[in-house]
Each structure stands twice: as structure tokens, then as C-alpha cells.
Amino acid sequence: MKPTPFDPARDLAPLPFTDDVCRLAADLKAAGLPWEPHVGCFVWDRAAAIEVVSPFPNRVYFILNLGHFLKRFGSVEKMREQLVWLPTDHQARLLCRRLGVEHTTIRAALSAEELNEPAAFLTALYRLILSRLQ
């Protein structure tokens, strides 16, 4: 069965992993955000290492079967090297908590963003995490 690629002209993006969000996630990776690849993570394949067409925009993939990804990359370390983790808003809030970001700081950052922009919450959370990592 041939995969059906995401069509931005016709399809509504299921998650707000825009170009800006992906670039911010790459900044998080460069700043040393720890990540252990596991089922339930979204990843950005910026180097197009995965030859199968993604069902999501921007070469974003969901790890449903870790073994499948390990077959492609050979090891968890190679996955970490070649893919960029895209924390969901829930994961990003948990990361903020782990990094000691106060709830009031999160609320202030979120209310300051243009909330009509679908990626605003995620962008604000990624920026908070990045500020803690730097």
C-alpha cells in the first residue's frame, strides 16, 4: 500500500509543527536538551534520512514502533544524532516543570503570545525551555 503524503493545500495539519517550531526544536537540541527516543515522540527528519513519505507536514514522524526506527538508524544514538525531537505541548510543559520554570512564568509567556496562532503555545514553551538550557 502506497503512503499518502500530507497535502498542505487540502489537509489540516494535525499538530502545529511549523517550520519555526522545527527550527526552535533544533535549537533545543543544540542547547543540549536530553532526549531518550521512545514510543509517543514526534521527530523531525531535517536531513531526509527516512525514505518513507511522512503522513505529517515538514518531514515530521511519530514514533509508534521504536523497533521500526531502530532498523532504519541502527541504534538509539544514531536516532538522537539524526532526528530532532519535537516535544508536544504536554511534553514541553513537563520539561518546563523539570527545569524549574514557575507556573506563573509559563502562564505569562502563553498569554503574551498571539493565541490565535496555532503554534503560539508550543513556540512560547520551547522558548522558555531554551532560556533555561542556555
N, C-alpha and C. Protein backbone atom coordinates (compact mmCIF):
# COMPACT_ATOMS: atom_id res chain seq x y z
N MET A 1 0.85 -1.18 0.00
CA MET A 1 0.00 0.00 0.00
C MET A 1 0.89 1.24 0.00
N LYS A 2 0.63 2.13 -0.90
CA LYS A 2 1.42 3.34 -1.04
C LYS A 2 0.98 4.39 -0.01
N PRO A 3 1.94 5.00 0.74
CA PRO A 3 1.55 6.02 1.71
C PRO A 3 1.01 7.27 1.03
N THR A 4 0.08 7.90 1.68
CA THR A 4 -0.49 9.14 1.17
C THR A 4 0.19 10.31 1.87
N PRO A 5 0.93 11.13 1.12
CA PRO A 5 1.62 12.25 1.77
C PRO A 5 0.65 13.34 2.20
N PHE A 6 1.08 14.11 3.16
CA PHE A 6 0.31 15.26 3.63
C PHE A 6 0.25 16.29 2.51
N ASP A 7 -0.93 16.86 2.30
CA ASP A 7 -1.12 17.87 1.26
C ASP A 7 -1.54 19.17 1.94
N PRO A 8 -0.63 20.15 2.10
CA PRO A 8 -0.97 21.39 2.81
C PRO A 8 -2.07 22.21 2.14
N ALA A 9 -2.30 21.98 0.86
CA ALA A 9 -3.37 22.70 0.17
C ALA A 9 -4.74 22.14 0.50
N ARG A 10 -4.77 20.87 0.93
CA ARG A 10 -6.04 20.20 1.17
C ARG A 10 -6.24 19.79 2.63
N ASP A 11 -5.15 19.36 3.27
CA ASP A 11 -5.23 18.78 4.60
C ASP A 11 -4.97 19.82 5.69
N LEU A 12 -5.62 19.64 6.83
CA LEU A 12 -5.35 20.47 8.00
C LEU A 12 -4.25 19.79 8.81
N ALA A 13 -3.23 20.55 9.17
CA ALA A 13 -2.12 19.98 9.93
C ALA A 13 -2.64 19.47 11.27
N PRO A 14 -2.30 18.22 11.65
CA PRO A 14 -2.81 17.66 12.90
C PRO A 14 -2.14 18.25 14.13
N LEU A 15 -0.93 18.76 13.98
CA LEU A 15 -0.18 19.35 15.08
C LEU A 15 0.57 20.57 14.56
N PRO A 16 0.86 21.53 15.45
CA PRO A 16 1.47 22.79 14.98
C PRO A 16 2.99 22.73 14.84
N PHE A 17 3.52 21.69 14.19
CA PHE A 17 4.96 21.60 13.98
C PHE A 17 5.33 22.34 12.70
N THR A 18 5.30 23.65 12.80
CA THR A 18 5.61 24.53 11.67
C THR A 18 7.13 24.58 11.46
N ASP A 19 7.55 25.27 10.41
CA ASP A 19 8.98 25.46 10.17
C ASP A 19 9.65 26.12 11.37
N ASP A 20 9.00 27.16 11.92
CA ASP A 20 9.56 27.87 13.07
C ASP A 20 9.69 26.96 14.29
N VAL A 21 8.67 26.14 14.55
CA VAL A 21 8.71 25.21 15.68
C VAL A 21 9.83 24.20 15.48
N CYS A 22 9.98 23.69 14.27
CA CYS A 22 11.05 22.72 14.00
C CYS A 22 12.42 23.35 14.20
N ARG A 23 12.60 24.60 13.75
CA ARG A 23 13.88 25.27 13.95
C ARG A 23 14.16 25.51 15.43
N LEU A 24 13.13 25.88 16.19
CA LEU A 24 13.30 26.05 17.64
C LEU A 24 13.66 24.73 18.30
N ALA A 25 13.05 23.64 17.85
CA ALA A 25 13.39 22.33 18.39
C ALA A 25 14.84 21.99 18.10
N ALA A 26 15.33 22.35 16.92
CA ALA A 26 16.74 22.13 16.59
C ALA A 26 17.63 22.96 17.51
N ASP A 27 17.19 24.16 17.85
CA ASP A 27 17.93 24.99 18.81
C ASP A 27 17.96 24.32 20.19
N LEU A 28 16.83 23.71 20.58
CA LEU A 28 16.79 22.98 21.86
C LEU A 28 17.80 21.83 21.85
N LYS A 29 17.84 21.12 20.75
CA LYS A 29 18.79 20.01 20.62
C LYS A 29 20.22 20.53 20.73
N ALA A 30 20.52 21.61 20.00
CA ALA A 30 21.87 22.18 20.02
C ALA A 30 22.24 22.69 21.41
N ALA A 31 21.25 23.13 22.18
CA ALA A 31 21.49 23.63 23.54
C ALA A 31 21.62 22.50 24.56
N GLY A 32 21.45 21.26 24.09
CA GLY A 32 21.67 20.12 24.98
C GLY A 32 20.45 19.51 25.61
N LEU A 33 19.27 19.74 25.05
CA LEU A 33 18.06 19.13 25.60
C LEU A 33 18.20 17.61 25.55
N PRO A 34 18.16 16.95 26.71
CA PRO A 34 18.28 15.49 26.69
C PRO A 34 17.01 14.85 26.13
N TRP A 35 17.22 13.75 25.39
CA TRP A 35 16.08 13.04 24.82
C TRP A 35 16.43 11.57 24.68
N GLU A 36 15.56 10.75 25.18
CA GLU A 36 15.67 9.31 25.02
C GLU A 36 14.55 8.90 24.06
N PRO A 37 14.87 8.54 22.81
CA PRO A 37 13.83 8.16 21.87
C PRO A 37 12.93 7.06 22.43
N HIS A 38 11.64 7.27 22.32
CA HIS A 38 10.67 6.29 22.80
C HIS A 38 9.35 6.44 22.06
N VAL A 39 8.52 5.44 22.19
CA VAL A 39 7.19 5.46 21.59
C VAL A 39 6.44 6.68 22.13
N GLY A 40 5.76 7.38 21.24
CA GLY A 40 4.98 8.54 21.64
C GLY A 40 5.65 9.86 21.34
N CYS A 41 6.83 9.83 20.75
CA CYS A 41 7.55 11.07 20.41
C CYS A 41 7.35 11.42 18.94
N PHE A 42 7.25 12.71 18.69
CA PHE A 42 7.29 13.22 17.32
C PHE A 42 8.72 13.65 17.05
N VAL A 43 9.18 13.40 15.83
CA VAL A 43 10.54 13.76 15.44
C VAL A 43 10.53 14.44 14.08
N TRP A 44 11.52 15.30 13.90
CA TRP A 44 11.71 15.99 12.62
C TRP A 44 12.93 15.38 11.95
N ASP A 45 12.75 14.94 10.73
CA ASP A 45 13.83 14.36 9.94
C ASP A 45 14.34 15.43 8.99
N ARG A 46 15.10 16.37 9.52
CA ARG A 46 15.55 17.52 8.72
C ARG A 46 16.52 17.13 7.62
N ALA A 47 17.22 16.01 7.78
CA ALA A 47 18.20 15.58 6.78
C ALA A 47 17.60 14.59 5.77
N ALA A 48 16.30 14.33 5.89
CA ALA A 48 15.61 13.39 4.99
C ALA A 48 16.27 12.02 4.99
N ALA A 49 16.61 11.52 6.19
CA ALA A 49 17.22 10.20 6.33
C ALA A 49 16.19 9.08 6.16
N ILE A 50 14.94 9.37 6.45
CA ILE A 50 13.87 8.38 6.32
C ILE A 50 13.29 8.49 4.92
N GLU A 51 13.36 7.39 4.19
CA GLU A 51 12.91 7.44 2.79
C GLU A 51 11.40 7.29 2.62
N VAL A 52 10.71 6.84 3.64
CA VAL A 52 9.26 6.70 3.57
C VAL A 52 8.63 8.09 3.74
N VAL A 53 7.64 8.38 2.91
CA VAL A 53 6.95 9.67 2.97
C VAL A 53 6.22 9.81 4.31
N SER A 54 6.37 10.98 4.93
CA SER A 54 5.70 11.23 6.20
C SER A 54 4.22 11.56 5.99
N PRO A 55 3.37 11.11 6.90
CA PRO A 55 1.97 11.50 6.83
C PRO A 55 1.72 12.90 7.38
N PHE A 56 2.77 13.51 7.94
CA PHE A 56 2.68 14.85 8.53
C PHE A 56 3.49 15.83 7.69
N PRO A 57 3.21 17.13 7.81
CA PRO A 57 4.00 18.11 7.07
C PRO A 57 5.44 18.20 7.59
N ASN A 58 6.32 18.74 6.79
CA ASN A 58 7.70 19.07 7.17
C ASN A 58 8.56 17.88 7.58
N ARG A 59 8.31 16.72 7.01
CA ARG A 59 9.09 15.52 7.35
C ARG A 59 9.05 15.21 8.85
N VAL A 60 7.90 15.38 9.44
CA VAL A 60 7.67 15.05 10.84
C VAL A 60 7.13 13.62 10.90
N TYR A 61 7.66 12.84 11.83
CA TYR A 61 7.24 11.45 12.01
C TYR A 61 6.86 11.22 13.46
N PHE A 62 6.03 10.22 13.69
CA PHE A 62 5.62 9.82 15.03
C PHE A 62 6.21 8.45 15.31
N ILE A 63 6.86 8.30 16.44
CA ILE A 63 7.43 7.00 16.80
C ILE A 63 6.33 6.16 17.42
N LEU A 64 5.77 5.29 16.62
CA LEU A 64 4.75 4.35 17.07
C LEU A 64 5.39 3.01 17.42
N ASN A 65 6.43 2.67 16.65
CA ASN A 65 7.13 1.41 16.85
C ASN A 65 8.63 1.73 16.87
N LEU A 66 9.23 1.75 18.05
CA LEU A 66 10.64 2.10 18.18
C LEU A 66 11.51 1.14 17.38
N GLY A 67 11.15 -0.13 17.35
CA GLY A 67 11.92 -1.12 16.60
C GLY A 67 12.04 -0.77 15.13
N HIS A 68 10.98 -0.22 14.56
CA HIS A 68 11.00 0.19 13.16
C HIS A 68 12.06 1.27 12.93
N PHE A 69 12.12 2.23 13.83
CA PHE A 69 13.11 3.31 13.71
C PHE A 69 14.53 2.77 13.95
N LEU A 70 14.66 1.85 14.89
CA LEU A 70 15.97 1.26 15.16
C LEU A 70 16.49 0.48 13.96
N LYS A 71 15.60 -0.16 13.21
CA LYS A 71 16.02 -0.86 12.00
C LYS A 71 16.58 0.13 10.98
N ARG A 72 15.98 1.30 10.90
CA ARG A 72 16.42 2.31 9.93
C ARG A 72 17.74 2.97 10.34
N PHE A 73 17.88 3.24 11.64
CA PHE A 73 19.03 4.01 12.11
C PHE A 73 20.13 3.15 12.74
N GLY A 74 19.81 1.97 13.18
CA GLY A 74 20.81 1.07 13.73
C GLY A 74 21.00 1.15 15.23
N SER A 75 20.72 2.31 15.82
CA SER A 75 20.88 2.46 17.27
C SER A 75 20.10 3.70 17.74
N VAL A 76 19.85 3.73 19.03
CA VAL A 76 19.20 4.89 19.63
C VAL A 76 20.09 6.12 19.48
N GLU A 77 21.40 5.93 19.63
CA GLU A 77 22.34 7.05 19.50
C GLU A 77 22.27 7.67 18.10
N LYS A 78 22.18 6.84 17.06
CA LYS A 78 22.06 7.36 15.68
C LYS A 78 20.73 8.11 15.51
N MET A 79 19.69 7.60 16.15
CA MET A 79 18.41 8.31 16.09
C MET A 79 18.56 9.69 16.70
N ARG A 80 19.21 9.75 17.87
CA ARG A 80 19.42 11.03 18.55
C ARG A 80 20.22 11.99 17.68
N GLU A 81 21.23 11.45 17.00
CA GLU A 81 22.08 12.28 16.15
C GLU A 81 21.32 12.83 14.94
N GLN A 82 20.53 11.99 14.30
CA GLN A 82 19.95 12.36 13.01
C GLN A 82 18.55 12.95 13.07
N LEU A 83 17.85 12.73 14.15
CA LEU A 83 16.49 13.25 14.27
C LEU A 83 16.43 14.36 15.31
N VAL A 84 15.44 15.21 15.18
CA VAL A 84 15.21 16.28 16.15
C VAL A 84 13.89 15.98 16.84
N TRP A 85 13.94 15.88 18.16
CA TRP A 85 12.73 15.64 18.94
C TRP A 85 11.86 16.89 18.92
N LEU A 86 10.58 16.69 18.70
CA LEU A 86 9.59 17.77 18.72
C LEU A 86 8.64 17.51 19.90
N PRO A 87 9.00 18.02 21.09
CA PRO A 87 8.11 17.80 22.22
C PRO A 87 6.72 18.37 21.95
N THR A 88 5.69 17.63 22.33
CA THR A 88 4.32 18.13 22.23
C THR A 88 4.14 19.21 23.29
N ASP A 89 3.01 19.90 23.28
CA ASP A 89 2.79 20.92 24.31
C ASP A 89 2.79 20.29 25.71
N HIS A 90 2.24 19.09 25.83
CA HIS A 90 2.24 18.41 27.12
C HIS A 90 3.67 18.08 27.57
N GLN A 91 4.46 17.52 26.66
CA GLN A 91 5.85 17.20 26.98
C GLN A 91 6.64 18.46 27.30
N ALA A 92 6.37 19.53 26.56
CA ALA A 92 7.08 20.80 26.80
C ALA A 92 6.72 21.37 28.17
N ARG A 93 5.48 21.24 28.58
CA ARG A 93 5.10 21.70 29.93
C ARG A 93 5.79 20.86 31.00
N LEU A 94 5.89 19.56 30.77
CA LEU A 94 6.61 18.70 31.72
C LEU A 94 8.09 19.08 31.78
N LEU A 95 8.68 19.38 30.63
CA LEU A 95 10.08 19.82 30.60
C LEU A 95 10.25 21.13 31.36
N CYS A 96 9.32 22.05 31.19
CA CYS A 96 9.37 23.31 31.93
C CYS A 96 9.36 23.04 33.44
N ARG A 97 8.50 22.16 33.85
CA ARG A 97 8.42 21.81 35.27
C ARG A 97 9.75 21.22 35.75
N ARG A 98 10.31 20.29 34.97
CA ARG A 98 11.60 19.68 35.34
C ARG A 98 12.73 20.70 35.43
N LEU A 99 12.66 21.71 34.58
CA LEU A 99 13.70 22.74 34.55
C LEU A 99 13.45 23.86 35.55
N GLY A 100 12.37 23.75 36.32
CA GLY A 100 12.10 24.73 37.36
C GLY A 100 11.43 26.01 36.90
N VAL A 101 10.80 25.96 35.73
CA VAL A 101 10.07 27.14 35.26
C VAL A 101 8.77 27.24 36.07
N GLU A 102 8.56 28.37 36.68
CA GLU A 102 7.37 28.58 37.51
C GLU A 102 6.11 28.60 36.66
N HIS A 103 5.02 28.12 37.24
CA HIS A 103 3.74 28.10 36.55
C HIS A 103 3.33 29.51 36.11
N THR A 104 3.58 30.50 36.95
CA THR A 104 3.22 31.88 36.60
C THR A 104 4.03 32.37 35.39
N THR A 105 5.27 31.91 35.27
CA THR A 105 6.10 32.29 34.12
C THR A 105 5.54 31.67 32.85
N ILE A 106 5.12 30.43 32.95
CA ILE A 106 4.52 29.75 31.80
C ILE A 106 3.24 30.47 31.39
N ARG A 107 2.40 30.75 32.37
CA ARG A 107 1.12 31.42 32.08
C ARG A 107 1.37 32.79 31.44
N ALA A 108 2.34 33.55 31.95
CA ALA A 108 2.64 34.87 31.40
C ALA A 108 3.16 34.76 29.96
N ALA A 109 4.02 33.77 29.72
CA ALA A 109 4.56 33.60 28.37
C ALA A 109 3.47 33.20 27.39
N LEU A 110 2.56 32.35 27.85
CA LEU A 110 1.49 31.90 26.97
C LEU A 110 0.48 33.00 26.70
N SER A 111 0.17 33.80 27.69
CA SER A 111 -0.82 34.85 27.47
C SER A 111 -0.23 36.00 26.66
N ALA A 112 1.10 36.11 26.63
CA ALA A 112 1.74 37.18 25.87
C ALA A 112 1.80 36.87 24.38
N GLU A 113 1.67 35.64 24.02
CA GLU A 113 1.74 35.24 22.61
C GLU A 113 0.41 35.54 21.91
N GLU A 114 0.50 35.57 20.58
CA GLU A 114 -0.71 35.69 19.78
C GLU A 114 -1.42 34.34 19.83
N LEU A 115 -2.43 34.24 20.65
CA LEU A 115 -3.05 32.94 20.90
C LEU A 115 -3.88 32.42 19.73
N ASN A 116 -4.14 33.26 18.76
CA ASN A 116 -4.85 32.79 17.57
C ASN A 116 -3.93 32.01 16.64
N GLU A 117 -2.63 32.14 16.84
CA GLU A 117 -1.66 31.42 16.03
C GLU A 117 -1.55 30.00 16.57
N PRO A 118 -1.83 28.98 15.75
CA PRO A 118 -1.84 27.60 16.25
C PRO A 118 -0.54 27.16 16.92
N ALA A 119 0.60 27.65 16.46
CA ALA A 119 1.88 27.23 17.03
C ALA A 119 2.34 28.09 18.20
N ALA A 120 1.54 29.08 18.60
CA ALA A 120 1.98 30.04 19.62
C ALA A 120 2.31 29.39 20.96
N PHE A 121 1.46 28.47 21.43
CA PHE A 121 1.72 27.81 22.71
C PHE A 121 3.04 27.05 22.67
N LEU A 122 3.21 26.28 21.63
CA LEU A 122 4.42 25.47 21.52
C LEU A 122 5.66 26.34 21.39
N THR A 123 5.58 27.37 20.59
CA THR A 123 6.71 28.29 20.41
C THR A 123 7.08 28.94 21.74
N ALA A 124 6.09 29.38 22.49
CA ALA A 124 6.36 30.01 23.79
C ALA A 124 7.00 29.03 24.76
N LEU A 125 6.51 27.80 24.79
CA LEU A 125 7.08 26.79 25.68
C LEU A 125 8.50 26.44 25.27
N TYR A 126 8.75 26.27 23.99
CA TYR A 126 10.10 25.96 23.51
C TYR A 126 11.07 27.09 23.89
N ARG A 127 10.62 28.32 23.78
CA ARG A 127 11.50 29.46 24.13
C ARG A 127 11.82 29.46 25.62
N LEU A 128 10.84 29.12 26.45
CA LEU A 128 11.09 29.03 27.89
C LEU A 128 12.12 27.94 28.19
N ILE A 129 11.97 26.80 27.56
CA ILE A 129 12.91 25.70 27.76
C ILE A 129 14.31 26.11 27.29
N LEU A 130 14.37 26.74 26.13
CA LEU A 130 15.65 27.17 25.58
C LEU A 130 16.34 28.17 26.51
N SER A 131 15.57 29.07 27.09
CA SER A 131 16.17 30.06 28.00
C SER A 131 16.76 29.38 29.23
N ARG A 132 16.17 28.27 29.67
CA ARG A 132 16.71 27.53 30.82
C ARG A 132 17.94 26.72 30.46
N LEU A 133 18.02 26.28 29.22
CA LEU A 133 19.16 25.46 28.79
C LEU A 133 20.41 26.29 28.49
N GLN A 134 20.21 27.57 28.17
CA GLN A 134 21.35 28.41 27.78
C GLN A 134 22.06 29.01 28.96
